[in-house]
Amino acid sequence: MIRHESIVTALVGAVLGVVTGLFLAVLVITATQDVTDLAIPARTIAAFVAVAVAAGIAAAVLPARRASRLNVLDAVAYE
């Protein structure tokens, strides 16, 4: 569960970053009179999303191991 949450968080960040970057690129292209072509590097964006998922998995390894070693009743009774 912890790994999935970390992957989802990483994907949300990656998608928001890609969308924001593309939006700003379109704004710059429309504001600039000289440039008329917009090239979207699909392979680079896909690689970025893959790296974001890998980073999300790597960031969740230690917390997931720690959570798996806890006794559930002790963790609930802690609060």
PDB file of N, CA and C in Angstrom:
ATOM      1  N   MET A   1       0.824  -1.177   0.000  1.00  0.00           N
ATOM      2  CA  MET A   1       0.000   0.000   0.000  1.00  0.00           C
ATOM      3  C   MET A   1       0.879   1.256   0.000  1.00  0.00           C
ATOM      4  N   ILE A   2       1.946   1.225   0.754  1.00  0.00           N
ATOM      5  CA  ILE A   2       2.839   2.380   0.824  1.00  0.00           C
ATOM      6  C   ILE A   2       3.524   2.597  -0.518  1.00  0.00           C
ATOM      7  N   ARG A   3       3.936   1.502  -1.152  1.00  0.00           N
ATOM      8  CA  ARG A   3       4.564   1.632  -2.470  1.00  0.00           C
ATOM      9  C   ARG A   3       3.592   2.198  -3.495  1.00  0.00           C
ATOM     10  N   HIS A   4       2.367   1.726  -3.472  1.00  0.00           N
ATOM     11  CA  HIS A   4       1.381   2.232  -4.431  1.00  0.00           C
ATOM     12  C   HIS A   4       1.102   3.718  -4.216  1.00  0.00           C
ATOM     13  N   GLU A   5       1.013   4.119  -2.973  1.00  0.00           N
ATOM     14  CA  GLU A   5       0.788   5.538  -2.682  1.00  0.00           C
ATOM     15  C   GLU A   5       1.964   6.382  -3.174  1.00  0.00           C
ATOM     16  N   SER A   6       3.168   5.873  -2.992  1.00  0.00           N
ATOM     17  CA  SER A   6       4.348   6.597  -3.447  1.00  0.00           C
ATOM     18  C   SER A   6       4.394   6.684  -4.969  1.00  0.00           C
ATOM     19  N   ILE A   7       4.019   5.605  -5.652  1.00  0.00           N
ATOM     20  CA  ILE A   7       3.997   5.616  -7.114  1.00  0.00           C
ATOM     21  C   ILE A   7       2.955   6.599  -7.626  1.00  0.00           C
ATOM     22  N   VAL A   8       1.779   6.603  -7.008  1.00  0.00           N
ATOM     23  CA  VAL A   8       0.720   7.524  -7.429  1.00  0.00           C
ATOM     24  C   VAL A   8       1.161   8.968  -7.217  1.00  0.00           C
ATOM     25  N   THR A   9       1.791   9.242  -6.081  1.00  0.00           N
ATOM     26  CA  THR A   9       2.277  10.596  -5.815  1.00  0.00           C
ATOM     27  C   THR A   9       3.330  11.013  -6.841  1.00  0.00           C
ATOM     28  N   ALA A  10       4.238  10.103  -7.172  1.00  0.00           N
ATOM     29  CA  ALA A  10       5.268  10.404  -8.176  1.00  0.00           C
ATOM     30  C   ALA A  10       4.648  10.630  -9.550  1.00  0.00           C
ATOM     31  N   LEU A  11       3.638   9.825  -9.907  1.00  0.00           N
ATOM     32  CA  LEU A  11       2.986   9.997 -11.201  1.00  0.00           C
ATOM     33  C   LEU A  11       2.212  11.304 -11.279  1.00  0.00           C
ATOM     34  N   VAL A  12       1.548  11.676 -10.194  1.00  0.00           N
ATOM     35  CA  VAL A  12       0.830  12.952 -10.187  1.00  0.00           C
ATOM     36  C   VAL A  12       1.806  14.102 -10.381  1.00  0.00           C
ATOM     37  N   GLY A  13       2.931  14.055  -9.695  1.00  0.00           N
ATOM     38  CA  GLY A  13       3.947  15.093  -9.856  1.00  0.00           C
ATOM     39  C   GLY A  13       4.524  15.126 -11.260  1.00  0.00           C
ATOM     40  N   ALA A  14       4.777  13.955 -11.831  1.00  0.00           N
ATOM     41  CA  ALA A  14       5.327  13.896 -13.184  1.00  0.00           C
ATOM     42  C   ALA A  14       4.328  14.430 -14.209  1.00  0.00           C
ATOM     43  N   VAL A  15       3.070  14.033 -14.084  1.00  0.00           N
ATOM     44  CA  VAL A  15       2.055  14.496 -15.035  1.00  0.00           C
ATOM     45  C   VAL A  15       1.839  16.001 -14.909  1.00  0.00           C
ATOM     46  N   LEU A  16       1.773  16.501 -13.683  1.00  0.00           N
ATOM     47  CA  LEU A  16       1.626  17.946 -13.497  1.00  0.00           C
ATOM     48  C   LEU A  16       2.827  18.705 -14.067  1.00  0.00           C
ATOM     49  N   GLY A  17       4.016  18.161 -13.890  1.00  0.00           N
ATOM     50  CA  GLY A  17       5.214  18.799 -14.434  1.00  0.00           C
ATOM     51  C   GLY A  17       5.223  18.800 -15.952  1.00  0.00           C
ATOM     52  N   VAL A  18       4.829  17.687 -16.562  1.00  0.00           N
ATOM     53  CA  VAL A  18       4.795  17.609 -18.029  1.00  0.00           C
ATOM     54  C   VAL A  18       3.733  18.548 -18.587  1.00  0.00           C
ATOM     55  N   VAL A  19       2.562  18.542 -17.981  1.00  0.00           N
ATOM     56  CA  VAL A  19       1.485  19.416 -18.473  1.00  0.00           C
ATOM     57  C   VAL A  19       1.869  20.883 -18.318  1.00  0.00           C
ATOM     58  N   THR A  20       2.443  21.238 -17.181  1.00  0.00           N
ATOM     59  CA  THR A  20       2.869  22.621 -16.973  1.00  0.00           C
ATOM     60  C   THR A  20       3.964  23.023 -17.962  1.00  0.00           C
ATOM     61  N   GLY A  21       4.910  22.140 -18.181  1.00  0.00           N
ATOM     62  CA  GLY A  21       5.983  22.422 -19.130  1.00  0.00           C
ATOM     63  C   GLY A  21       5.468  22.589 -20.546  1.00  0.00           C
ATOM     64  N   LEU A  22       4.565  21.725 -20.965  1.00  0.00           N
ATOM     65  CA  LEU A  22       3.997  21.856 -22.307  1.00  0.00           C
ATOM     66  C   LEU A  22       3.166  23.126 -22.441  1.00  0.00           C
ATOM     67  N   PHE A  23       2.410  23.462 -21.400  1.00  0.00           N
ATOM     68  CA  PHE A  23       1.614  24.686 -21.421  1.00  0.00           C
ATOM     69  C   PHE A  23       2.510  25.920 -21.545  1.00  0.00           C
ATOM     70  N   LEU A  24       3.580  25.952 -20.768  1.00  0.00           N
ATOM     71  CA  LEU A  24       4.504  27.081 -20.854  1.00  0.00           C
ATOM     72  C   LEU A  24       5.220  27.128 -22.203  1.00  0.00           C
ATOM     73  N   ALA A  25       5.515  25.969 -22.756  1.00  0.00           N
ATOM     74  CA  ALA A  25       6.149  25.940 -24.083  1.00  0.00           C
ATOM     75  C   ALA A  25       5.217  26.509 -25.140  1.00  0.00           C
ATOM     76  N   VAL A  26       3.936  26.156 -25.058  1.00  0.00           N
ATOM     77  CA  VAL A  26       2.964  26.697 -26.011  1.00  0.00           C
ATOM     78  C   VAL A  26       2.837  28.202 -25.832  1.00  0.00           C
ATOM     79  N   LEU A  27       2.838  28.674 -24.591  1.00  0.00           N
ATOM     80  CA  LEU A  27       2.766  30.120 -24.354  1.00  0.00           C
ATOM     81  C   LEU A  27       3.966  30.855 -24.941  1.00  0.00           C
ATOM     82  N   VAL A  28       5.145  30.297 -24.771  1.00  0.00           N
ATOM     83  CA  VAL A  28       6.355  30.930 -25.304  1.00  0.00           C
ATOM     84  C   VAL A  28       6.317  30.935 -26.827  1.00  0.00           C
ATOM     85  N   ILE A  29       5.877  29.831 -27.422  1.00  0.00           N
ATOM     86  CA  ILE A  29       5.826  29.750 -28.884  1.00  0.00           C
ATOM     87  C   ILE A  29       4.822  30.752 -29.441  1.00  0.00           C
ATOM     88  N   THR A  30       3.675  30.888 -28.786  1.00  0.00           N
ATOM     89  CA  THR A  30       2.687  31.840 -29.295  1.00  0.00           C
ATOM     90  C   THR A  30       3.123  33.288 -29.059  1.00  0.00           C
ATOM     91  N   ALA A  31       3.898  33.525 -28.003  1.00  0.00           N
ATOM     92  CA  ALA A  31       4.360  34.884 -27.726  1.00  0.00           C
ATOM     93  C   ALA A  31       5.511  35.288 -28.637  1.00  0.00           C
ATOM     94  N   THR A  32       6.256  34.310 -29.130  1.00  0.00           N
ATOM     95  CA  THR A  32       7.388  34.583 -30.004  1.00  0.00           C
ATOM     96  C   THR A  32       6.924  34.516 -31.452  1.00  0.00           C
ATOM     97  N   GLN A  33       7.200  35.551 -32.186  1.00  0.00           N
ATOM     98  CA  GLN A  33       6.768  35.604 -33.577  1.00  0.00           C
ATOM     99  C   GLN A  33       7.673  34.781 -34.492  1.00  0.00           C
ATOM    100  N   ASP A  34       8.940  34.613 -34.118  1.00  0.00           N
ATOM    101  CA  ASP A  34       9.902  33.965 -35.001  1.00  0.00           C
ATOM    102  C   ASP A  34       9.729  32.447 -35.064  1.00  0.00           C
ATOM    103  N   VAL A  35       9.359  31.838 -33.957  1.00  0.00           N
ATOM    104  CA  VAL A  35       9.268  30.378 -33.888  1.00  0.00           C
ATOM    105  C   VAL A  35       7.825  29.959 -34.139  1.00  0.00           C
ATOM    106  N   THR A  36       7.641  29.035 -35.069  1.00  0.00           N
ATOM    107  CA  THR A  36       6.289  28.588 -35.379  1.00  0.00           C
ATOM    108  C   THR A  36       6.091  27.098 -35.158  1.00  0.00           C
ATOM    109  N   ASP A  37       7.159  26.348 -34.926  1.00  0.00           N
ATOM    110  CA  ASP A  37       7.054  24.897 -34.759  1.00  0.00           C
ATOM    111  C   ASP A  37       7.185  24.513 -33.292  1.00  0.00           C
ATOM    112  N   LEU A  38       6.360  23.581 -32.883  1.00  0.00           N
ATOM    113  CA  LEU A  38       6.438  23.037 -31.531  1.00  0.00           C
ATOM    114  C   LEU A  38       6.749  21.556 -31.646  1.00  0.00           C
ATOM    115  N   ALA A  39       7.908  21.157 -31.185  1.00  0.00           N
ATOM    116  CA  ALA A  39       8.310  19.751 -31.213  1.00  0.00           C
ATOM    117  C   ALA A  39       8.182  19.186 -29.804  1.00  0.00           C
ATOM    118  N   ILE A  40       7.355  18.152 -29.666  1.00  0.00           N
ATOM    119  CA  ILE A  40       7.156  17.515 -28.359  1.00  0.00           C
ATOM    120  C   ILE A  40       8.007  16.248 -28.331  1.00  0.00           C
ATOM    121  N   PRO A  41       8.993  16.195 -27.442  1.00  0.00           N
ATOM    122  CA  PRO A  41       9.878  15.019 -27.370  1.00  0.00           C
ATOM    123  C   PRO A  41       9.208  13.881 -26.588  1.00  0.00           C
ATOM    124  N   ALA A  42       8.471  13.045 -27.285  1.00  0.00           N
ATOM    125  CA  ALA A  42       7.686  11.985 -26.636  1.00  0.00           C
ATOM    126  C   ALA A  42       8.572  10.976 -25.901  1.00  0.00           C
ATOM    127  N   ARG A  43       9.696  10.616 -26.491  1.00  0.00           N
ATOM    128  CA  ARG A  43      10.588   9.647 -25.828  1.00  0.00           C
ATOM    129  C   ARG A  43      11.168  10.214 -24.541  1.00  0.00           C
ATOM    130  N   THR A  44      11.537  11.470 -24.562  1.00  0.00           N
ATOM    131  CA  THR A  44      12.086  12.102 -23.364  1.00  0.00           C
ATOM    132  C   THR A  44      11.032  12.203 -22.270  1.00  0.00           C
ATOM    133  N   ILE A  45       9.811  12.541 -22.650  1.00  0.00           N
ATOM    134  CA  ILE A  45       8.733  12.628 -21.667  1.00  0.00           C
ATOM    135  C   ILE A  45       8.431  11.243 -21.086  1.00  0.00           C
ATOM    136  N   ALA A  46       8.412  10.217 -21.933  1.00  0.00           N
ATOM    137  CA  ALA A  46       8.182   8.854 -21.448  1.00  0.00           C
ATOM    138  C   ALA A  46       9.305   8.408 -20.515  1.00  0.00           C
ATOM    139  N   ALA A  47      10.530   8.748 -20.851  1.00  0.00           N
ATOM    140  CA  ALA A  47      11.659   8.402 -19.983  1.00  0.00           C
ATOM    141  C   ALA A  47      11.564   9.131 -18.653  1.00  0.00           C
ATOM    142  N   PHE A  48      11.135  10.388 -18.681  1.00  0.00           N
ATOM    143  CA  PHE A  48      10.959  11.150 -17.450  1.00  0.00           C
ATOM    144  C   PHE A  48       9.899  10.516 -16.550  1.00  0.00           C
ATOM    145  N   VAL A  49       8.792  10.088 -17.136  1.00  0.00           N
ATOM    146  CA  VAL A  49       7.734   9.451 -16.349  1.00  0.00           C
ATOM    147  C   VAL A  49       8.230   8.125 -15.779  1.00  0.00           C
ATOM    148  N   ALA A  50       8.992   7.370 -16.550  1.00  0.00           N
ATOM    149  CA  ALA A  50       9.550   6.103 -16.060  1.00  0.00           C
ATOM    150  C   ALA A  50      10.524   6.339 -14.908  1.00  0.00           C
ATOM    151  N   VAL A  51      11.338   7.373 -15.014  1.00  0.00           N
ATOM    152  CA  VAL A  51      12.267   7.700 -13.926  1.00  0.00           C
ATOM    153  C   VAL A  51      11.498   8.159 -12.690  1.00  0.00           C
ATOM    154  N   ALA A  52      10.411   8.875 -12.885  1.00  0.00           N
ATOM    155  CA  ALA A  52       9.592   9.313 -11.750  1.00  0.00           C
ATOM    156  C   ALA A  52       8.979   8.115 -11.032  1.00  0.00           C
ATOM    157  N   VAL A  53       8.504   7.120 -11.785  1.00  0.00           N
ATOM    158  CA  VAL A  53       7.953   5.909 -11.164  1.00  0.00           C
ATOM    159  C   VAL A  53       9.053   5.159 -10.413  1.00  0.00           C
ATOM    160  N   ALA A  54      10.227   5.048 -11.004  1.00  0.00           N
ATOM    161  CA  ALA A  54      11.343   4.374 -10.337  1.00  0.00           C
ATOM    162  C   ALA A  54      11.744   5.105  -9.060  1.00  0.00           C
ATOM    163  N   ALA A  55      11.741   6.429  -9.105  1.00  0.00           N
ATOM    164  CA  ALA A  55      12.062   7.202  -7.903  1.00  0.00           C
ATOM    165  C   ALA A  55      10.993   7.011  -6.833  1.00  0.00           C
ATOM    166  N   GLY A  56       9.742   6.924  -7.241  1.00  0.00           N
ATOM    167  CA  GLY A  56       8.668   6.665  -6.285  1.00  0.00           C
ATOM    168  C   GLY A  56       8.806   5.312  -5.624  1.00  0.00           C
ATOM    169  N   ILE A  57       9.185   4.312  -6.391  1.00  0.00           N
ATOM    170  CA  ILE A  57       9.401   2.969  -5.827  1.00  0.00           C
ATOM    171  C   ILE A  57      10.592   2.984  -4.880  1.00  0.00           C
ATOM    172  N   ALA A  58      11.675   3.625  -5.302  1.00  0.00           N
ATOM    173  CA  ALA A  58      12.881   3.670  -4.460  1.00  0.00           C
ATOM    174  C   ALA A  58      12.625   4.434  -3.165  1.00  0.00           C
ATOM    175  N   ALA A  59      11.812   5.470  -3.224  1.00  0.00           N
ATOM    176  CA  ALA A  59      11.534   6.260  -2.025  1.00  0.00           C
ATOM    177  C   ALA A  59      10.635   5.515  -1.039  1.00  0.00           C
ATOM    178  N   ALA A  60       9.913   4.515  -1.520  1.00  0.00           N
ATOM    179  CA  ALA A  60       8.968   3.817  -0.657  1.00  0.00           C
ATOM    180  C   ALA A  60       9.517   2.535  -0.050  1.00  0.00           C
ATOM    181  N   VAL A  61      10.700   2.124  -0.437  1.00  0.00           N
ATOM    182  CA  VAL A  61      11.221   0.834   0.023  1.00  0.00           C
ATOM    183  C   VAL A  61      11.411   0.813   1.539  1.00  0.00           C
ATOM    184  N   LEU A  62      12.129   1.776   2.074  1.00  0.00           N
ATOM    185  CA  LEU A  62      12.404   1.762   3.518  1.00  0.00           C
ATOM    186  C   LEU A  62      11.146   1.957   4.368  1.00  0.00           C
ATOM    187  N   PRO A  63      10.263   2.896   4.061  1.00  0.00           N
ATOM    188  CA  PRO A  63       9.038   3.004   4.860  1.00  0.00           C
ATOM    189  C   PRO A  63       8.152   1.759   4.767  1.00  0.00           C
ATOM    190  N   ALA A  64       8.113   1.113   3.601  1.00  0.00           N
ATOM    191  CA  ALA A  64       7.303  -0.099   3.465  1.00  0.00           C
ATOM    192  C   ALA A  64       7.882  -1.235   4.307  1.00  0.00           C
ATOM    193  N   ARG A  65       9.191  -1.368   4.325  1.00  0.00           N
ATOM    194  CA  ARG A  65       9.811  -2.410   5.172  1.00  0.00           C
ATOM    195  C   ARG A  65       9.564  -2.141   6.646  1.00  0.00           C
ATOM    196  N   ARG A  66       9.672  -0.890   7.026  1.00  0.00           N
ATOM    197  CA  ARG A  66       9.433  -0.536   8.430  1.00  0.00           C
ATOM    198  C   ARG A  66       7.984  -0.807   8.821  1.00  0.00           C
ATOM    199  N   ALA A  67       7.055  -0.457   7.953  1.00  0.00           N
ATOM    200  CA  ALA A  67       5.643  -0.689   8.250  1.00  0.00           C
ATOM    201  C   ALA A  67       5.306  -2.171   8.283  1.00  0.00           C
ATOM    202  N   SER A  68       5.987  -2.971   7.482  1.00  0.00           N
ATOM    203  CA  SER A  68       5.694  -4.403   7.464  1.00  0.00           C
ATOM    204  C   SER A  68       6.169  -5.103   8.731  1.00  0.00           C
ATOM    205  N   ARG A  69       7.097  -4.505   9.440  1.00  0.00           N
ATOM    206  CA  ARG A  69       7.605  -5.117  10.672  1.00  0.00           C
ATOM    207  C   ARG A  69       6.800  -4.733  11.908  1.00  0.00           C
ATOM    208  N   LEU A  70       5.909  -3.757  11.785  1.00  0.00           N
ATOM    209  CA  LEU A  70       5.127  -3.319  12.929  1.00  0.00           C
ATOM    210  C   LEU A  70       3.997  -4.297  13.233  1.00  0.00           C
ATOM    211  N   ASN A  71       3.718  -4.447  14.510  1.00  0.00           N
ATOM    212  CA  ASN A  71       2.546  -5.195  14.925  1.00  0.00           C
ATOM    213  C   ASN A  71       1.336  -4.284  14.724  1.00  0.00           C
ATOM    214  N   VAL A  72       0.318  -4.791  14.048  1.00  0.00           N
ATOM    215  CA  VAL A  72      -0.826  -3.956  13.693  1.00  0.00           C
ATOM    216  C   VAL A  72      -1.547  -3.455  14.941  1.00  0.00           C
ATOM    217  N   LEU A  73      -1.752  -4.299  15.920  1.00  0.00           N
ATOM    218  CA  LEU A  73      -2.471  -3.888  17.127  1.00  0.00           C
ATOM    219  C   LEU A  73      -1.692  -2.846  17.924  1.00  0.00           C
ATOM    220  N   ASP A  74      -0.387  -2.979  17.975  1.00  0.00           N
ATOM    221  CA  ASP A  74       0.426  -1.973  18.667  1.00  0.00           C
ATOM    222  C   ASP A  74       0.398  -0.638  17.924  1.00  0.00           C
ATOM    223  N   ALA A  75       0.407  -0.681  16.599  1.00  0.00           N
ATOM    224  CA  ALA A  75       0.381   0.554  15.810  1.00  0.00           C
ATOM    225  C   ALA A  75      -0.951   1.263  15.969  1.00  0.00           C
ATOM    226  N   VAL A  76      -2.042   0.527  16.045  1.00  0.00           N
ATOM    227  CA  VAL A  76      -3.363   1.141  16.208  1.00  0.00           C
ATOM    228  C   VAL A  76      -3.518   1.680  17.620  1.00  0.00           C
ATOM    229  N   ALA A  77      -3.013   0.958  18.599  1.00  0.00           N
ATOM    230  CA  ALA A  77      -3.150   1.372  19.998  1.00  0.00           C
ATOM    231  C   ALA A  77      -2.224   2.540  20.344  1.00  0.00           C
ATOM    232  N   TYR A  78      -1.261   2.850  19.495  1.00  0.00           N
ATOM    233  CA  TYR A  78      -0.313   3.943  19.768  1.00  0.00           C
ATOM    234  C   TYR A  78      -1.019   5.275  19.879  1.00  0.00           C
ATOM    235  N   GLU A  79      -2.032   5.502  19.053  1.00  0.00           N
ATOM    236  CA  GLU A  79      -2.761   6.773  19.077  1.00  0.00           C
ATOM    237  C   GLU A  79      -3.590   6.780  20.317  1.00  0.00           C
TER     238      GLU A  79
END
